[in-house]
Amino acid sequence: MPDKDPKIQKTPKAQKAQKAQKAKTEKSAAKKSAVKIKLVRSVIGTTRYQRAVVMGLGLRRINHTVEREDTPEVRGMIDKVSHLVQIVEA
């Protein structure tokens, strides 16, 4: 692990790139909004894939509400089980 060795110094260019990456991730984390999702229908009778998506969203039982980051990945999961969930307005 070269990063752990105190004798090895990072170049100024590498340090600058690391700072820029850190600033970029902090900005993107601050901009992301959240979406509340509520399970309104039972997963009984659904496919294994749909049950896995519901579990992946963190929903456990009917009327259970969770808050997730509003990302394209989460929106895609919601779209796959849109007949089982409802987006709750905050």
PDB file of N, CA and C in Angstrom:
ATOM      1  N   MET A   1       0.811  -1.179   0.000  1.00  0.00           N
ATOM      2  CA  MET A   1       0.000   0.000   0.000  1.00  0.00           C
ATOM      3  C   MET A   1       0.865   1.257   0.000  1.00  0.00           C
ATOM      4  N   PRO A   2       1.100   1.871  -1.139  1.00  0.00           N
ATOM      5  CA  PRO A   2       1.951   3.050  -1.186  1.00  0.00           C
ATOM      6  C   PRO A   2       1.342   4.263  -0.495  1.00  0.00           C
ATOM      7  N   ASP A   3       0.008   4.342  -0.393  1.00  0.00           N
ATOM      8  CA  ASP A   3      -0.620   5.496   0.248  1.00  0.00           C
ATOM      9  C   ASP A   3      -0.358   5.527   1.750  1.00  0.00           C
ATOM     10  N   LYS A   4      -0.139   4.394   2.350  1.00  0.00           N
ATOM     11  CA  LYS A   4       0.067   4.317   3.789  1.00  0.00           C
ATOM     12  C   LYS A   4       1.505   4.648   4.194  1.00  0.00           C
ATOM     13  N   ASP A   5       2.441   4.569   3.256  1.00  0.00           N
ATOM     14  CA  ASP A   5       3.847   4.793   3.555  1.00  0.00           C
ATOM     15  C   ASP A   5       4.102   6.292   3.699  1.00  0.00           C
ATOM     16  N   PRO A   6       4.579   6.757   4.872  1.00  0.00           N
ATOM     17  CA  PRO A   6       4.793   8.190   5.065  1.00  0.00           C
ATOM     18  C   PRO A   6       5.957   8.740   4.250  1.00  0.00           C
ATOM     19  N   LYS A   7       6.849   7.887   3.774  1.00  0.00           N
ATOM     20  CA  LYS A   7       8.000   8.343   3.002  1.00  0.00           C
ATOM     21  C   LYS A   7       7.617   8.761   1.593  1.00  0.00           C
ATOM     22  N   ILE A   8       6.570   8.160   1.061  1.00  0.00           N
ATOM     23  CA  ILE A   8       6.156   8.448  -0.307  1.00  0.00           C
ATOM     24  C   ILE A   8       5.205   9.638  -0.292  1.00  0.00           C
ATOM     25  N   GLN A   9       5.572  10.689  -1.003  1.00  0.00           N
ATOM     26  CA  GLN A   9       4.759  11.906  -1.077  1.00  0.00           C
ATOM     27  C   GLN A   9       3.942  11.879  -2.375  1.00  0.00           C
ATOM     28  N   LYS A  10       2.739  12.381  -2.301  1.00  0.00           N
ATOM     29  CA  LYS A  10       1.940  12.514  -3.511  1.00  0.00           C
ATOM     30  C   LYS A  10       2.396  13.754  -4.251  1.00  0.00           C
ATOM     31  N   THR A  11       2.320  13.685  -5.566  1.00  0.00           N
ATOM     32  CA  THR A  11       2.698  14.843  -6.367  1.00  0.00           C
ATOM     33  C   THR A  11       1.654  15.936  -6.198  1.00  0.00           C
ATOM     34  N   PRO A  12       2.032  17.185  -6.405  1.00  0.00           N
ATOM     35  CA  PRO A  12       1.043  18.272  -6.292  1.00  0.00           C
ATOM     36  C   PRO A  12      -0.142  18.087  -7.232  1.00  0.00           C
ATOM     37  N   LYS A  13       0.117  17.525  -8.404  1.00  0.00           N
ATOM     38  CA  LYS A  13      -0.973  17.298  -9.360  1.00  0.00           C
ATOM     39  C   LYS A  13      -1.966  16.272  -8.805  1.00  0.00           C
ATOM     40  N   ALA A  14      -1.444  15.218  -8.183  1.00  0.00           N
ATOM     41  CA  ALA A  14      -2.310  14.193  -7.608  1.00  0.00           C
ATOM     42  C   ALA A  14      -3.088  14.742  -6.421  1.00  0.00           C
ATOM     43  N   GLN A  15      -2.443  15.580  -5.621  1.00  0.00           N
ATOM     44  CA  GLN A  15      -3.127  16.195  -4.478  1.00  0.00           C
ATOM     45  C   GLN A  15      -4.261  17.100  -4.946  1.00  0.00           C
ATOM     46  N   LYS A  16      -3.999  17.872  -5.995  1.00  0.00           N
ATOM     47  CA  LYS A  16      -5.012  18.776  -6.543  1.00  0.00           C
ATOM     48  C   LYS A  16      -6.201  17.984  -7.094  1.00  0.00           C
ATOM     49  N   ALA A  17      -5.920  16.891  -7.790  1.00  0.00           N
ATOM     50  CA  ALA A  17      -6.983  16.054  -8.346  1.00  0.00           C
ATOM     51  C   ALA A  17      -7.821  15.428  -7.234  1.00  0.00           C
ATOM     52  N   GLN A  18      -7.152  15.032  -6.155  1.00  0.00           N
ATOM     53  CA  GLN A  18      -7.876  14.433  -5.032  1.00  0.00           C
ATOM     54  C   GLN A  18      -8.786  15.457  -4.367  1.00  0.00           C
ATOM     55  N   LYS A  19      -8.310  16.689  -4.205  1.00  0.00           N
ATOM     56  CA  LYS A  19      -9.133  17.743  -3.614  1.00  0.00           C
ATOM     57  C   LYS A  19     -10.337  18.062  -4.500  1.00  0.00           C
ATOM     58  N   ALA A  20     -10.113  18.108  -5.815  1.00  0.00           N
ATOM     59  CA  ALA A  20     -11.200  18.394  -6.747  1.00  0.00           C
ATOM     60  C   ALA A  20     -12.258  17.303  -6.696  1.00  0.00           C
ATOM     61  N   GLN A  21     -11.828  16.046  -6.618  1.00  0.00           N
ATOM     62  CA  GLN A  21     -12.770  14.928  -6.550  1.00  0.00           C
ATOM     63  C   GLN A  21     -13.583  14.997  -5.256  1.00  0.00           C
ATOM     64  N   LYS A  22     -12.930  15.319  -4.155  1.00  0.00           N
ATOM     65  CA  LYS A  22     -13.621  15.416  -2.869  1.00  0.00           C
ATOM     66  C   LYS A  22     -14.653  16.539  -2.890  1.00  0.00           C
ATOM     67  N   ALA A  23     -14.286  17.688  -3.452  1.00  0.00           N
ATOM     68  CA  ALA A  23     -15.213  18.809  -3.552  1.00  0.00           C
ATOM     69  C   ALA A  23     -16.403  18.458  -4.435  1.00  0.00           C
ATOM     70  N   LYS A  24     -16.141  17.730  -5.510  1.00  0.00           N
ATOM     71  CA  LYS A  24     -17.210  17.339  -6.431  1.00  0.00           C
ATOM     72  C   LYS A  24     -18.215  16.407  -5.749  1.00  0.00           C
ATOM     73  N   THR A  25     -17.718  15.440  -4.969  1.00  0.00           N
ATOM     74  CA  THR A  25     -18.625  14.512  -4.291  1.00  0.00           C
ATOM     75  C   THR A  25     -19.416  15.220  -3.194  1.00  0.00           C
ATOM     76  N   GLU A  26     -18.800  16.188  -2.519  1.00  0.00           N
ATOM     77  CA  GLU A  26     -19.527  16.936  -1.498  1.00  0.00           C
ATOM     78  C   GLU A  26     -20.642  17.768  -2.111  1.00  0.00           C
ATOM     79  N   LYS A  27     -20.365  18.393  -3.265  1.00  0.00           N
ATOM     80  CA  LYS A  27     -21.387  19.192  -3.938  1.00  0.00           C
ATOM     81  C   LYS A  27     -22.547  18.319  -4.409  1.00  0.00           C
ATOM     82  N   SER A  28     -22.224  17.159  -4.988  1.00  0.00           N
ATOM     83  CA  SER A  28     -23.281  16.295  -5.502  1.00  0.00           C
ATOM     84  C   SER A  28     -24.115  15.719  -4.364  1.00  0.00           C
ATOM     85  N   ALA A  29     -23.490  15.466  -3.217  1.00  0.00           N
ATOM     86  CA  ALA A  29     -24.238  14.959  -2.072  1.00  0.00           C
ATOM     87  C   ALA A  29     -25.183  16.022  -1.525  1.00  0.00           C
ATOM     88  N   ALA A  30     -24.781  17.275  -1.590  1.00  0.00           N
ATOM     89  CA  ALA A  30     -25.619  18.351  -1.083  1.00  0.00           C
ATOM     90  C   ALA A  30     -26.804  18.624  -2.016  1.00  0.00           C
ATOM     91  N   LYS A  31     -26.629  18.409  -3.314  1.00  0.00           N
ATOM     92  CA  LYS A  31     -27.681  18.699  -4.282  1.00  0.00           C
ATOM     93  C   LYS A  31     -28.760  17.627  -4.332  1.00  0.00           C
ATOM     94  N   LYS A  32     -28.428  16.391  -3.973  1.00  0.00           N
ATOM     95  CA  LYS A  32     -29.376  15.289  -4.110  1.00  0.00           C
ATOM     96  C   LYS A  32     -30.539  15.473  -3.150  1.00  0.00           C
ATOM     97  N   SER A  33     -31.720  15.266  -3.675  1.00  0.00           N
ATOM     98  CA  SER A  33     -32.899  15.339  -2.834  1.00  0.00           C
ATOM     99  C   SER A  33     -33.341  13.926  -2.475  1.00  0.00           C
ATOM    100  N   ALA A  34     -34.311  13.853  -1.636  1.00  0.00           N
ATOM    101  CA  ALA A  34     -34.791  12.554  -1.180  1.00  0.00           C
ATOM    102  C   ALA A  34     -36.207  12.319  -1.689  1.00  0.00           C
ATOM    103  N   VAL A  35     -36.567  11.047  -1.768  1.00  0.00           N
ATOM    104  CA  VAL A  35     -37.909  10.661  -2.171  1.00  0.00           C
ATOM    105  C   VAL A  35     -38.427   9.665  -1.138  1.00  0.00           C
ATOM    106  N   LYS A  36     -39.679   9.849  -0.727  1.00  0.00           N
ATOM    107  CA  LYS A  36     -40.294   8.929   0.229  1.00  0.00           C
ATOM    108  C   LYS A  36     -41.127   7.919  -0.542  1.00  0.00           C
ATOM    109  N   ILE A  37     -40.919   6.649  -0.206  1.00  0.00           N
ATOM    110  CA  ILE A  37     -41.601   5.559  -0.899  1.00  0.00           C
ATOM    111  C   ILE A  37     -42.393   4.762   0.118  1.00  0.00           C
ATOM    112  N   LYS A  38     -43.636   4.429  -0.238  1.00  0.00           N
ATOM    113  CA  LYS A  38     -44.510   3.680   0.662  1.00  0.00           C
ATOM    114  C   LYS A  38     -45.014   2.436  -0.050  1.00  0.00           C
ATOM    115  N   LEU A  39     -44.922   1.280   0.618  1.00  0.00           N
ATOM    116  CA  LEU A  39     -45.448   0.035   0.067  1.00  0.00           C
ATOM    117  C   LEU A  39     -46.946  -0.014   0.351  1.00  0.00           C
ATOM    118  N   VAL A  40     -47.760  -0.030  -0.698  1.00  0.00           N
ATOM    119  CA  VAL A  40     -49.216   0.022  -0.521  1.00  0.00           C
ATOM    120  C   VAL A  40     -49.904  -1.288  -0.873  1.00  0.00           C
ATOM    121  N   ARG A  41     -49.198  -2.196  -1.534  1.00  0.00           N
ATOM    122  CA  ARG A  41     -49.790  -3.491  -1.878  1.00  0.00           C
ATOM    123  C   ARG A  41     -48.853  -4.604  -1.464  1.00  0.00           C
ATOM    124  N   SER A  42     -49.404  -5.764  -1.224  1.00  0.00           N
ATOM    125  CA  SER A  42     -48.638  -6.919  -0.773  1.00  0.00           C
ATOM    126  C   SER A  42     -47.761  -7.470  -1.886  1.00  0.00           C
ATOM    127  N   VAL A  43     -46.660  -8.089  -1.493  1.00  0.00           N
ATOM    128  CA  VAL A  43     -45.769  -8.716  -2.473  1.00  0.00           C
ATOM    129  C   VAL A  43     -46.170 -10.155  -2.754  1.00  0.00           C
ATOM    130  N   ILE A  44     -47.224 -10.639  -2.088  1.00  0.00           N
ATOM    131  CA  ILE A  44     -47.719 -11.986  -2.354  1.00  0.00           C
ATOM    132  C   ILE A  44     -48.238 -12.043  -3.790  1.00  0.00           C
ATOM    133  N   GLY A  45     -47.817 -13.023  -4.527  1.00  0.00           N
ATOM    134  CA  GLY A  45     -48.259 -13.175  -5.909  1.00  0.00           C
ATOM    135  C   GLY A  45     -47.398 -12.427  -6.910  1.00  0.00           C
ATOM    136  N   THR A  46     -46.347 -11.778  -6.457  1.00  0.00           N
ATOM    137  CA  THR A  46     -45.455 -11.081  -7.373  1.00  0.00           C
ATOM    138  C   THR A  46     -44.292 -12.006  -7.735  1.00  0.00           C
ATOM    139  N   THR A  47     -43.531 -11.595  -8.721  1.00  0.00           N
ATOM    140  CA  THR A  47     -42.387 -12.412  -9.126  1.00  0.00           C
ATOM    141  C   THR A  47     -41.250 -12.258  -8.119  1.00  0.00           C
ATOM    142  N   ARG A  48     -40.320 -13.168  -8.182  1.00  0.00           N
ATOM    143  CA  ARG A  48     -39.156 -13.129  -7.298  1.00  0.00           C
ATOM    144  C   ARG A  48     -38.365 -11.841  -7.514  1.00  0.00           C
ATOM    145  N   TYR A  49     -38.284 -11.402  -8.768  1.00  0.00           N
ATOM    146  CA  TYR A  49     -37.561 -10.190  -9.105  1.00  0.00           C
ATOM    147  C   TYR A  49     -38.211  -8.968  -8.452  1.00  0.00           C
ATOM    148  N   GLN A  50     -39.545  -8.899  -8.511  1.00  0.00           N
ATOM    149  CA  GLN A  50     -40.242  -7.763  -7.912  1.00  0.00           C
ATOM    150  C   GLN A  50     -40.082  -7.748  -6.393  1.00  0.00           C
ATOM    151  N   ARG A  51     -40.116  -8.921  -5.767  1.00  0.00           N
ATOM    152  CA  ARG A  51     -39.897  -8.981  -4.318  1.00  0.00           C
ATOM    153  C   ARG A  51     -38.488  -8.521  -3.971  1.00  0.00           C
ATOM    154  N   ALA A  52     -37.525  -8.872  -4.812  1.00  0.00           N
ATOM    155  CA  ALA A  52     -36.142  -8.444  -4.580  1.00  0.00           C
ATOM    156  C   ALA A  52     -36.008  -6.926  -4.707  1.00  0.00           C
ATOM    157  N   VAL A  53     -36.715  -6.333  -5.646  1.00  0.00           N
ATOM    158  CA  VAL A  53     -36.681  -4.882  -5.811  1.00  0.00           C
ATOM    159  C   VAL A  53     -37.286  -4.195  -4.592  1.00  0.00           C
ATOM    160  N   VAL A  54     -38.409  -4.722  -4.096  1.00  0.00           N
ATOM    161  CA  VAL A  54     -39.046  -4.144  -2.905  1.00  0.00           C
ATOM    162  C   VAL A  54     -38.099  -4.242  -1.710  1.00  0.00           C
ATOM    163  N   MET A  55     -37.446  -5.387  -1.555  1.00  0.00           N
ATOM    164  CA  MET A  55     -36.485  -5.544  -0.464  1.00  0.00           C
ATOM    165  C   MET A  55     -35.296  -4.609  -0.660  1.00  0.00           C
ATOM    166  N   GLY A  56     -34.868  -4.424  -1.893  1.00  0.00           N
ATOM    167  CA  GLY A  56     -33.760  -3.530  -2.192  1.00  0.00           C
ATOM    168  C   GLY A  56     -34.068  -2.086  -1.858  1.00  0.00           C
ATOM    169  N   LEU A  57     -35.328  -1.720  -1.974  1.00  0.00           N
ATOM    170  CA  LEU A  57     -35.744  -0.371  -1.578  1.00  0.00           C
ATOM    171  C   LEU A  57     -35.826  -0.229  -0.067  1.00  0.00           C
ATOM    172  N   GLY A  58     -35.807  -1.349   0.647  1.00  0.00           N
ATOM    173  CA  GLY A  58     -35.857  -1.301   2.108  1.00  0.00           C
ATOM    174  C   GLY A  58     -37.254  -1.390   2.670  1.00  0.00           C
ATOM    175  N   LEU A  59     -38.218  -1.741   1.843  1.00  0.00           N
ATOM    176  CA  LEU A  59     -39.604  -1.844   2.297  1.00  0.00           C
ATOM    177  C   LEU A  59     -39.860  -3.238   2.857  1.00  0.00           C
ATOM    178  N   ARG A  60     -40.511  -3.301   4.007  1.00  0.00           N
ATOM    179  CA  ARG A  60     -40.682  -4.582   4.690  1.00  0.00           C
ATOM    180  C   ARG A  60     -42.135  -5.042   4.770  1.00  0.00           C
ATOM    181  N   ARG A  61     -43.054  -4.135   4.940  1.00  0.00           N
ATOM    182  CA  ARG A  61     -44.456  -4.516   5.130  1.00  0.00           C
ATOM    183  C   ARG A  61     -45.356  -3.432   4.527  1.00  0.00           C
ATOM    184  N   ILE A  62     -46.619  -3.741   4.403  1.00  0.00           N
ATOM    185  CA  ILE A  62     -47.569  -2.788   3.844  1.00  0.00           C
ATOM    186  C   ILE A  62     -47.622  -1.550   4.743  1.00  0.00           C
ATOM    187  N   ASN A  63     -47.716  -0.395   4.132  1.00  0.00           N
ATOM    188  CA  ASN A  63     -47.723   0.925   4.770  1.00  0.00           C
ATOM    189  C   ASN A  63     -46.383   1.306   5.384  1.00  0.00           C
ATOM    190  N   HIS A  64     -45.336   0.567   5.096  1.00  0.00           N
ATOM    191  CA  HIS A  64     -43.996   0.933   5.539  1.00  0.00           C
ATOM    192  C   HIS A  64     -43.464   1.995   4.591  1.00  0.00           C
ATOM    193  N   THR A  65     -42.921   3.078   5.151  1.00  0.00           N
ATOM    194  CA  THR A  65     -42.403   4.179   4.357  1.00  0.00           C
ATOM    195  C   THR A  65     -40.910   4.323   4.599  1.00  0.00           C
ATOM    196  N   VAL A  66     -40.153   4.498   3.524  1.00  0.00           N
ATOM    197  CA  VAL A  66     -38.713   4.728   3.622  1.00  0.00           C
ATOM    198  C   VAL A  66     -38.361   5.967   2.807  1.00  0.00           C
ATOM    199  N   GLU A  67     -37.219   6.555   3.130  1.00  0.00           N
ATOM    200  CA  GLU A  67     -36.735   7.715   2.401  1.00  0.00           C
ATOM    201  C   GLU A  67     -35.415   7.342   1.740  1.00  0.00           C
ATOM    202  N   ARG A  68     -35.336   7.527   0.434  1.00  0.00           N
ATOM    203  CA  ARG A  68     -34.140   7.189  -0.337  1.00  0.00           C
ATOM    204  C   ARG A  68     -33.703   8.407  -1.138  1.00  0.00           C
ATOM    205  N   GLU A  69     -32.427   8.431  -1.532  1.00  0.00           N
ATOM    206  CA  GLU A  69     -31.938   9.497  -2.398  1.00  0.00           C
ATOM    207  C   GLU A  69     -32.637   9.408  -3.748  1.00  0.00           C
ATOM    208  N   ASP A  70     -32.914  10.554  -4.319  1.00  0.00           N
ATOM    209  CA  ASP A  70     -33.593  10.595  -5.608  1.00  0.00           C
ATOM    210  C   ASP A  70     -32.557  10.465  -6.716  1.00  0.00           C
ATOM    211  N   THR A  71     -32.224   9.219  -7.049  1.00  0.00           N
ATOM    212  CA  THR A  71     -31.247   8.928  -8.094  1.00  0.00           C
ATOM    213  C   THR A  71     -31.939   8.165  -9.218  1.00  0.00           C
ATOM    214  N   PRO A  72     -31.327   8.121 -10.390  1.00  0.00           N
ATOM    215  CA  PRO A  72     -31.926   7.345 -11.486  1.00  0.00           C
ATOM    216  C   PRO A  72     -32.082   5.864 -11.145  1.00  0.00           C
ATOM    217  N   GLU A  73     -31.166   5.327 -10.332  1.00  0.00           N
ATOM    218  CA  GLU A  73     -31.246   3.921  -9.951  1.00  0.00           C
ATOM    219  C   GLU A  73     -32.492   3.655  -9.111  1.00  0.00           C
ATOM    220  N   VAL A  74     -32.736   4.522  -8.138  1.00  0.00           N
ATOM    221  CA  VAL A  74     -33.909   4.364  -7.272  1.00  0.00           C
ATOM    222  C   VAL A  74     -35.181   4.596  -8.079  1.00  0.00           C
ATOM    223  N   ARG A  75     -35.175   5.575  -8.957  1.00  0.00           N
ATOM    224  CA  ARG A  75     -36.353   5.825  -9.803  1.00  0.00           C
ATOM    225  C   ARG A  75     -36.662   4.620 -10.682  1.00  0.00           C
ATOM    226  N   GLY A  76     -35.625   3.945 -11.180  1.00  0.00           N
ATOM    227  CA  GLY A  76     -35.831   2.744 -11.981  1.00  0.00           C
ATOM    228  C   GLY A  76     -36.438   1.623 -11.175  1.00  0.00           C
ATOM    229  N   MET A  77     -35.988   1.486  -9.922  1.00  0.00           N
ATOM    230  CA  MET A  77     -36.554   0.461  -9.046  1.00  0.00           C
ATOM    231  C   MET A  77     -38.028   0.761  -8.763  1.00  0.00           C
ATOM    232  N   ILE A  78     -38.328   2.030  -8.521  1.00  0.00           N
ATOM    233  CA  ILE A  78     -39.721   2.419  -8.273  1.00  0.00           C
ATOM    234  C   ILE A  78     -40.572   2.118  -9.502  1.00  0.00           C
ATOM    235  N   ASP A  79     -40.035   2.372 -10.683  1.00  0.00           N
ATOM    236  CA  ASP A  79     -40.773   2.124 -11.923  1.00  0.00           C
ATOM    237  C   ASP A  79     -41.077   0.641 -12.107  1.00  0.00           C
ATOM    238  N   LYS A  80     -40.156  -0.229 -11.681  1.00  0.00           N
ATOM    239  CA  LYS A  80     -40.355  -1.669 -11.836  1.00  0.00           C
ATOM    240  C   LYS A  80     -41.477  -2.202 -10.953  1.00  0.00           C
ATOM    241  N   VAL A  81     -41.705  -1.567  -9.812  1.00  0.00           N
ATOM    242  CA  VAL A  81     -42.754  -2.030  -8.892  1.00  0.00           C
ATOM    243  C   VAL A  81     -43.765  -0.907  -8.622  1.00  0.00           C
ATOM    244  N   SER A  82     -44.031  -0.111  -9.633  1.00  0.00           N
ATOM    245  CA  SER A  82     -44.919   1.041  -9.465  1.00  0.00           C
ATOM    246  C   SER A  82     -46.340   0.641  -9.068  1.00  0.00           C
ATOM    247  N   HIS A  83     -46.741  -0.595  -9.376  1.00  0.00           N
ATOM    248  CA  HIS A  83     -48.071  -1.062  -9.009  1.00  0.00           C
ATOM    249  C   HIS A  83     -48.150  -1.467  -7.540  1.00  0.00           C
ATOM    250  N   LEU A  84     -46.992  -1.547  -6.870  1.00  0.00           N
ATOM    251  CA  LEU A  84     -46.964  -1.948  -5.449  1.00  0.00           C
ATOM    252  C   LEU A  84     -46.636  -0.782  -4.523  1.00  0.00           C
ATOM    253  N   VAL A  85     -46.003   0.254  -5.035  1.00  0.00           N
ATOM    254  CA  VAL A  85     -45.545   1.341  -4.184  1.00  0.00           C
ATOM    255  C   VAL A  85     -46.211   2.663  -4.571  1.00  0.00           C
ATOM    256  N   GLN A  86     -46.027   3.621  -3.684  1.00  0.00           N
ATOM    257  CA  GLN A  86     -46.565   4.952  -3.914  1.00  0.00           C
ATOM    258  C   GLN A  86     -45.507   5.951  -3.436  1.00  0.00           C
ATOM    259  N   ILE A  87     -45.311   7.033  -4.193  1.00  0.00           N
ATOM    260  CA  ILE A  87     -44.393   8.073  -3.759  1.00  0.00           C
ATOM    261  C   ILE A  87     -45.175   9.033  -2.872  1.00  0.00           C
ATOM    262  N   VAL A  88     -44.665   9.229  -1.652  1.00  0.00           N
ATOM    263  CA  VAL A  88     -45.336  10.073  -0.675  1.00  0.00           C
ATOM    264  C   VAL A  88     -44.729  11.459  -0.753  1.00  0.00           C
ATOM    265  N   GLU A  89     -45.565  12.460  -0.830  1.00  0.00           N
ATOM    266  CA  GLU A  89     -45.093  13.833  -0.861  1.00  0.00           C
ATOM    267  C   GLU A  89     -44.620  14.249   0.525  1.00  0.00           C
ATOM    268  N   ALA A  90     -43.454  14.877   0.579  1.00  0.00           N
ATOM    269  CA  ALA A  90     -42.889  15.268   1.880  1.00  0.00           C
ATOM    270  C   ALA A  90     -43.426  16.598   2.352  1.00  0.00           C
TER     271      ALA A  90
END
